[in-house]
PDB file of N, CA and C in Angstrom:
ATOM      1  N   UNK A   1     -66.391  85.320  -2.729  1.00  0.00           N
ATOM      2  CA  UNK A   1     -66.367  85.067  -0.968  1.00  0.00           C
ATOM      3  C   UNK A   1     -65.978  83.029  -1.456  1.00  0.00           C
ATOM      4  N   UNK A   2     -65.266  82.235  -1.236  1.00  0.00           N
ATOM      5  CA  UNK A   2     -65.005  81.520  -2.096  1.00  0.00           C
ATOM      6  C   UNK A   2     -66.012  80.695  -1.222  1.00  0.00           C
ATOM      7  N   UNK A   3     -66.461  79.377  -1.481  1.00  0.00           N
ATOM      8  CA  UNK A   3     -67.198  78.409  -0.795  1.00  0.00           C
ATOM      9  C   UNK A   3     -66.498  76.852  -1.759  1.00  0.00           C
ATOM     10  N   UNK A   4     -65.376  76.076  -0.507  1.00  0.00           N
ATOM     11  CA  UNK A   4     -65.605  74.767  -1.029  1.00  0.00           C
ATOM     12  C   UNK A   4     -66.042  73.739  -0.271  1.00  0.00           C
ATOM     13  N   UNK A   5     -66.553  72.570  -2.131  1.00  0.00           N
ATOM     14  CA  UNK A   5     -67.226  71.828  -0.955  1.00  0.00           C
ATOM     15  C   UNK A   5     -66.077  70.377  -0.931  1.00  0.00           C
ATOM     16  N   UNK A   6     -66.375  69.778   0.038  1.00  0.00           N
ATOM     17  CA  UNK A   6     -65.601  68.636  -0.176  1.00  0.00           C
ATOM     18  C   UNK A   6     -66.291  67.422   0.598  1.00  0.00           C
ATOM     19  N   UNK A   7     -66.771  66.717  -0.926  1.00  0.00           N
ATOM     20  CA  UNK A   7     -67.203  64.953  -0.600  1.00  0.00           C
ATOM     21  C   UNK A   7     -65.709  63.658   0.022  1.00  0.00           C
ATOM     22  N   UNK A   8     -66.172  63.224   0.260  1.00  0.00           N
ATOM     23  CA  UNK A   8     -65.302  61.854   0.844  1.00  0.00           C
ATOM     24  C   UNK A   8     -65.843  61.433   1.745  1.00  0.00           C
ATOM     25  N   UNK A   9     -65.780  59.428   1.731  1.00  0.00           N
ATOM     26  CA  UNK A   9     -65.874  58.348   2.116  1.00  0.00           C
ATOM     27  C   UNK A   9     -65.875  58.498   3.064  1.00  0.00           C
ATOM     28  N   UNK A  10     -67.126  57.881   4.950  1.00  0.00           N
ATOM     29  CA  UNK A  10     -67.081  58.363   6.331  1.00  0.00           C
ATOM     30  C   UNK A  10     -65.697  57.980   6.296  1.00  0.00           C
ATOM     31  N   UNK A  11     -65.169  57.937   7.659  1.00  0.00           N
ATOM     32  CA  UNK A  11     -64.096  57.475   8.709  1.00  0.00           C
ATOM     33  C   UNK A  11     -62.939  58.137   9.272  1.00  0.00           C
ATOM     34  N   UNK A  12     -62.681  59.518   8.676  1.00  0.00           N
ATOM     35  CA  UNK A  12     -61.713  60.277   9.045  1.00  0.00           C
ATOM     36  C   UNK A  12     -62.408  60.230  10.775  1.00  0.00           C
ATOM     37  N   UNK A  13     -60.660  60.884  11.117  1.00  0.00           N
ATOM     38  CA  UNK A  13     -61.277  61.039  12.110  1.00  0.00           C
ATOM     39  C   UNK A  13     -61.764  62.935  12.162  1.00  0.00           C
ATOM     40  N   UNK A  14     -61.796  63.295  13.897  1.00  0.00           N
ATOM     41  CA  UNK A  14     -62.142  64.463  14.038  1.00  0.00           C
ATOM     42  C   UNK A  14     -60.575  65.610  13.563  1.00  0.00           C
ATOM     43  N   UNK A  15     -60.110  64.957  13.640  1.00  0.00           N
ATOM     44  CA  UNK A  15     -58.107  65.994  13.831  1.00  0.00           C
ATOM     45  C   UNK A  15     -58.244  66.118  13.056  1.00  0.00           C
ATOM     46  N   UNK A  16     -58.405  64.744  11.309  1.00  0.00           N
ATOM     47  CA  UNK A  16     -58.192  65.138  10.581  1.00  0.00           C
ATOM     48  C   UNK A  16     -59.051  66.189   9.614  1.00  0.00           C
ATOM     49  N   UNK A  17     -60.794  66.084  10.011  1.00  0.00           N
ATOM     50  CA  UNK A  17     -61.358  67.182   9.315  1.00  0.00           C
ATOM     51  C   UNK A  17     -61.243  68.395   9.730  1.00  0.00           C
ATOM     52  N   UNK A  18     -60.607  68.592  11.163  1.00  0.00           N
ATOM     53  CA  UNK A  18     -60.195  70.276  11.345  1.00  0.00           C
ATOM     54  C   UNK A  18     -58.505  70.361  11.462  1.00  0.00           C
ATOM     55  N   UNK A  19     -57.679  69.736   9.977  1.00  0.00           N
ATOM     56  CA  UNK A  19     -56.515  69.941   9.828  1.00  0.00           C
ATOM     57  C   UNK A  19     -57.129  70.149   8.179  1.00  0.00           C
ATOM     58  N   UNK A  20     -58.047  69.182   7.387  1.00  0.00           N
ATOM     59  CA  UNK A  20     -58.560  69.756   6.034  1.00  0.00           C
ATOM     60  C   UNK A  20     -58.853  71.174   6.230  1.00  0.00           C
ATOM     61  N   UNK A  21     -59.611  71.342   7.321  1.00  0.00           N
ATOM     62  CA  UNK A  21     -60.779  72.707   6.895  1.00  0.00           C
ATOM     63  C   UNK A  21     -59.327  73.521   7.240  1.00  0.00           C
ATOM     64  N   UNK A  22     -58.210  73.853   8.156  1.00  0.00           N
ATOM     65  CA  UNK A  22     -57.900  74.781   8.368  1.00  0.00           C
ATOM     66  C   UNK A  22     -56.909  74.729   7.365  1.00  0.00           C
ATOM     67  N   UNK A  23     -56.209  73.840   6.205  1.00  0.00           N
ATOM     68  CA  UNK A  23     -55.213  73.820   5.780  1.00  0.00           C
ATOM     69  C   UNK A  23     -56.353  74.668   4.084  1.00  0.00           C
ATOM     70  N   UNK A  24     -56.651  74.155   3.929  1.00  0.00           N
ATOM     71  CA  UNK A  24     -58.213  74.716   3.144  1.00  0.00           C
ATOM     72  C   UNK A  24     -57.964  75.411   2.686  1.00  0.00           C
ATOM     73  N   UNK A  25     -58.839  76.162   3.693  1.00  0.00           N
ATOM     74  CA  UNK A  25     -58.601  77.896   4.610  1.00  0.00           C
ATOM     75  C   UNK A  25     -57.903  78.433   3.685  1.00  0.00           C
ATOM     76  N   UNK A  26     -57.098  78.757   5.212  1.00  0.00           N
ATOM     77  CA  UNK A  26     -55.616  79.127   4.730  1.00  0.00           C
ATOM     78  C   UNK A  26     -54.977  78.736   3.624  1.00  0.00           C
ATOM     79  N   UNK A  27     -54.970  77.702   2.551  1.00  0.00           N
ATOM     80  CA  UNK A  27     -54.220  77.897   0.723  1.00  0.00           C
ATOM     81  C   UNK A  27     -55.174  78.834  -0.012  1.00  0.00           C
ATOM     82  N   UNK A  28     -56.464  78.058   0.643  1.00  0.00           N
ATOM     83  CA  UNK A  28     -57.282  79.173  -0.668  1.00  0.00           C
ATOM     84  C   UNK A  28     -57.817  80.573  -0.758  1.00  0.00           C
ATOM     85  N   UNK A  29     -57.457  81.230   0.955  1.00  0.00           N
ATOM     86  CA  UNK A  29     -58.038  82.654   1.139  1.00  0.00           C
ATOM     87  C   UNK A  29     -56.274  83.596   0.422  1.00  0.00           C
ATOM     88  N   UNK A  30     -55.172  82.330   0.558  1.00  0.00           N
ATOM     89  CA  UNK A  30     -53.400  82.578   0.415  1.00  0.00           C
ATOM     90  C   UNK A  30     -53.844  82.771  -1.104  1.00  0.00           C
ATOM     91  N   UNK A  31     -54.126  82.401  -2.163  1.00  0.00           N
ATOM     92  CA  UNK A  31     -53.716  82.034  -3.190  1.00  0.00           C
ATOM     93  C   UNK A  31     -55.670  83.083  -3.927  1.00  0.00           C
ATOM     94  N   UNK A  32     -56.741  82.919  -3.495  1.00  0.00           N
ATOM     95  CA  UNK A  32     -57.554  84.227  -3.780  1.00  0.00           C
ATOM     96  C   UNK A  32     -57.517  85.533  -3.116  1.00  0.00           C
ATOM     97  N   UNK A  33     -56.567  85.929  -2.406  1.00  0.00           N
ATOM     98  CA  UNK A  33     -55.790  86.798  -1.820  1.00  0.00           C
ATOM     99  C   UNK A  33     -56.812  87.647  -0.992  1.00  0.00           C
ATOM    100  N   UNK A  34     -57.934  87.066   0.073  1.00  0.00           N
ATOM    101  CA  UNK A  34     -59.044  86.423   0.817  1.00  0.00           C
ATOM    102  C   UNK A  34     -58.667  86.602   2.040  1.00  0.00           C
ATOM    103  N   UNK A  35     -59.431  87.200   2.738  1.00  0.00           N
ATOM    104  CA  UNK A  35     -59.455  87.315   4.608  1.00  0.00           C
ATOM    105  C   UNK A  35     -59.923  85.775   4.722  1.00  0.00           C
ATOM    106  N   UNK A  36     -59.834  84.838   5.473  1.00  0.00           N
ATOM    107  CA  UNK A  36     -59.335  84.097   6.556  1.00  0.00           C
ATOM    108  C   UNK A  36     -61.402  83.761   6.721  1.00  0.00           C
ATOM    109  N   UNK A  37     -61.821  84.641   6.558  1.00  0.00           N
ATOM    110  CA  UNK A  37     -63.107  84.590   7.212  1.00  0.00           C
ATOM    111  C   UNK A  37     -63.948  84.630   6.425  1.00  0.00           C
ATOM    112  N   UNK A  38     -63.255  84.269   5.589  1.00  0.00           N
ATOM    113  CA  UNK A  38     -64.559  84.969   3.789  1.00  0.00           C
ATOM    114  C   UNK A  38     -64.650  83.616   2.860  1.00  0.00           C
ATOM    115  N   UNK A  39     -63.572  82.719   3.692  1.00  0.00           N
ATOM    116  CA  UNK A  39     -63.335  80.548   2.715  1.00  0.00           C
ATOM    117  C   UNK A  39     -64.941  80.216   3.652  1.00  0.00           C
ATOM    118  N   UNK A  40     -65.013  79.222   2.535  1.00  0.00           N
ATOM    119  CA  UNK A  40     -66.587  78.776   4.113  1.00  0.00           C
ATOM    120  C   UNK A  40     -66.354  77.370   3.828  1.00  0.00           C
ATOM    121  N   UNK A  41     -66.261  76.324   4.262  1.00  0.00           N
ATOM    122  CA  UNK A  41     -65.935  75.331   3.489  1.00  0.00           C
ATOM    123  C   UNK A  41     -67.177  74.341   4.511  1.00  0.00           C
ATOM    124  N   UNK A  42     -67.921  73.403   2.990  1.00  0.00           N
ATOM    125  CA  UNK A  42     -68.587  72.149   3.269  1.00  0.00           C
ATOM    126  C   UNK A  42     -67.800  71.049   3.401  1.00  0.00           C
ATOM    127  N   UNK A  43     -68.027  70.531   4.411  1.00  0.00           N
ATOM    128  CA  UNK A  43     -67.718  69.023   4.229  1.00  0.00           C
ATOM    129  C   UNK A  43     -68.788  68.248   3.987  1.00  0.00           C
ATOM    130  N   UNK A  44     -68.930  66.758   3.857  1.00  0.00           N
ATOM    131  CA  UNK A  44     -70.423  66.112   3.698  1.00  0.00           C
ATOM    132  C   UNK A  44     -70.016  65.112   3.141  1.00  0.00           C
ATOM    133  N   UNK A  45     -69.483  63.425   4.007  1.00  0.00           N
ATOM    134  CA  UNK A  45     -69.783  62.647   4.424  1.00  0.00           C
ATOM    135  C   UNK A  45     -70.235  61.325   3.749  1.00  0.00           C
ATOM    136  N   UNK A  46     -69.867  60.673   2.623  1.00  0.00           N
ATOM    137  CA  UNK A  46     -70.261  59.590   2.084  1.00  0.00           C
ATOM    138  C   UNK A  46     -70.470  57.805   2.872  1.00  0.00           C
ATOM    139  N   UNK A  47     -70.703  57.316   3.418  1.00  0.00           N
ATOM    140  CA  UNK A  47     -71.258  55.957   3.131  1.00  0.00           C
ATOM    141  C   UNK A  47     -70.001  54.959   1.807  1.00  0.00           C
ATOM    142  N   UNK A  48     -69.385  54.383   2.246  1.00  0.00           N
ATOM    143  CA  UNK A  48     -69.068  53.037   0.640  1.00  0.00           C
ATOM    144  C   UNK A  48     -70.239  52.442   0.383  1.00  0.00           C
ATOM    145  N   UNK A  49     -70.928  52.196   0.702  1.00  0.00           N
ATOM    146  CA  UNK A  49     -71.901  51.864  -0.162  1.00  0.00           C
ATOM    147  C   UNK A  49     -72.941  53.374  -1.157  1.00  0.00           C
ATOM    148  N   UNK A  50     -72.213  54.070  -1.104  1.00  0.00           N
ATOM    149  CA  UNK A  50     -73.530  54.977  -1.665  1.00  0.00           C
ATOM    150  C   UNK A  50     -72.311  55.750  -2.683  1.00  0.00           C
ATOM    151  N   UNK A  51     -70.523  54.617  -3.300  1.00  0.00           N
ATOM    152  CA  UNK A  51     -69.917  55.870  -3.413  1.00  0.00           C
ATOM    153  C   UNK A  51     -69.319  54.978  -4.626  1.00  0.00           C
ATOM    154  N   UNK A  52     -69.194  55.061  -6.257  1.00  0.00           N
ATOM    155  CA  UNK A  52     -68.484  54.964  -6.818  1.00  0.00           C
ATOM    156  C   UNK A  52     -67.847  55.069  -7.826  1.00  0.00           C
ATOM    157  N   UNK A  53     -66.265  53.969  -7.898  1.00  0.00           N
ATOM    158  CA  UNK A  53     -65.183  54.486  -9.236  1.00  0.00           C
ATOM    159  C   UNK A  53     -65.746  53.945  -9.797  1.00  0.00           C
ATOM    160  N   UNK A  54     -65.152  54.446 -11.257  1.00  0.00           N
ATOM    161  CA  UNK A  54     -65.695  53.566 -12.245  1.00  0.00           C
ATOM    162  C   UNK A  54     -66.794  51.716 -12.178  1.00  0.00           C
ATOM    163  N   UNK A  55     -67.371  52.811 -11.659  1.00  0.00           N
ATOM    164  CA  UNK A  55     -69.082  51.444 -11.991  1.00  0.00           C
ATOM    165  C   UNK A  55     -68.634  50.486 -11.265  1.00  0.00           C
ATOM    166  N   UNK A  56     -67.415  50.870  -9.997  1.00  0.00           N
ATOM    167  CA  UNK A  56     -67.498  49.969  -8.713  1.00  0.00           C
ATOM    168  C   UNK A  56     -67.851  50.301  -7.404  1.00  0.00           C
ATOM    169  N   UNK A  57     -68.499  50.191  -7.037  1.00  0.00           N
ATOM    170  CA  UNK A  57     -69.026  50.012  -5.336  1.00  0.00           C
ATOM    171  C   UNK A  57     -68.047  50.289  -4.533  1.00  0.00           C
ATOM    172  N   UNK A  58     -67.597  51.114  -3.414  1.00  0.00           N
ATOM    173  CA  UNK A  58     -66.844  50.674  -3.093  1.00  0.00           C
ATOM    174  C   UNK A  58     -66.016  50.288  -1.913  1.00  0.00           C
ATOM    175  N   UNK A  59     -67.563  49.911  -1.053  1.00  0.00           N
ATOM    176  CA  UNK A  59     -67.667  48.212  -0.386  1.00  0.00           C
ATOM    177  C   UNK A  59     -68.029  47.916  -1.862  1.00  0.00           C
ATOM    178  N   UNK A  60     -67.880  46.732  -1.643  1.00  0.00           N
ATOM    179  CA  UNK A  60     -68.461  44.923  -1.843  1.00  0.00           C
ATOM    180  C   UNK A  60     -69.210  44.313  -0.967  1.00  0.00           C
ATOM    181  N   UNK A  61     -70.577  44.016  -2.018  1.00  0.00           N
ATOM    182  CA  UNK A  61     -71.778  42.922  -1.434  1.00  0.00           C
ATOM    183  C   UNK A  61     -71.319  42.119  -0.248  1.00  0.00           C
ATOM    184  N   UNK A  62     -72.165  42.219   0.621  1.00  0.00           N
ATOM    185  CA  UNK A  62     -72.491  41.185   1.715  1.00  0.00           C
ATOM    186  C   UNK A  62     -72.715  39.880   0.665  1.00  0.00           C
ATOM    187  N   UNK A  63     -71.949  38.686   0.780  1.00  0.00           N
ATOM    188  CA  UNK A  63     -72.874  37.559   0.436  1.00  0.00           C
ATOM    189  C   UNK A  63     -73.668  37.644   1.234  1.00  0.00           C
ATOM    190  N   UNK A  64     -75.002  36.112   0.796  1.00  0.00           N
ATOM    191  CA  UNK A  64     -76.405  36.154   1.953  1.00  0.00           C
ATOM    192  C   UNK A  64     -76.156  35.499   3.174  1.00  0.00           C
ATOM    193  N   UNK A  65     -74.708  34.675   2.961  1.00  0.00           N
ATOM    194  CA  UNK A  65     -74.580  33.543   4.082  1.00  0.00           C
ATOM    195  C   UNK A  65     -73.955  35.059   4.807  1.00  0.00           C
ATOM    196  N   UNK A  66     -73.388  35.674   4.350  1.00  0.00           N
ATOM    197  CA  UNK A  66     -72.303  36.659   6.171  1.00  0.00           C
ATOM    198  C   UNK A  66     -72.949  37.491   6.743  1.00  0.00           C
ATOM    199  N   UNK A  67     -74.100  37.880   5.959  1.00  0.00           N
ATOM    200  CA  UNK A  67     -75.355  38.655   6.705  1.00  0.00           C
ATOM    201  C   UNK A  67     -76.283  37.995   7.367  1.00  0.00           C
ATOM    202  N   UNK A  68     -76.222  36.588   7.765  1.00  0.00           N
ATOM    203  CA  UNK A  68     -76.995  35.911   8.799  1.00  0.00           C
ATOM    204  C   UNK A  68     -75.903  35.720   9.875  1.00  0.00           C
TER     205      UNK A  68
END
């Protein structure tokens, strides 16, 4: 039974997540030659403040002046 784990930044709409679920499930089942019902997908949304690429946070720090 294939299990797909997808991590992405928050902000996608319900429709976008539904399309991802449908397409990833369909294509995984096709390639793995298994029933759609065997494919599981776990989506985890991560806040920008908790995501870093190349040592830089995806969300820039707020200056103390703008935080007031």
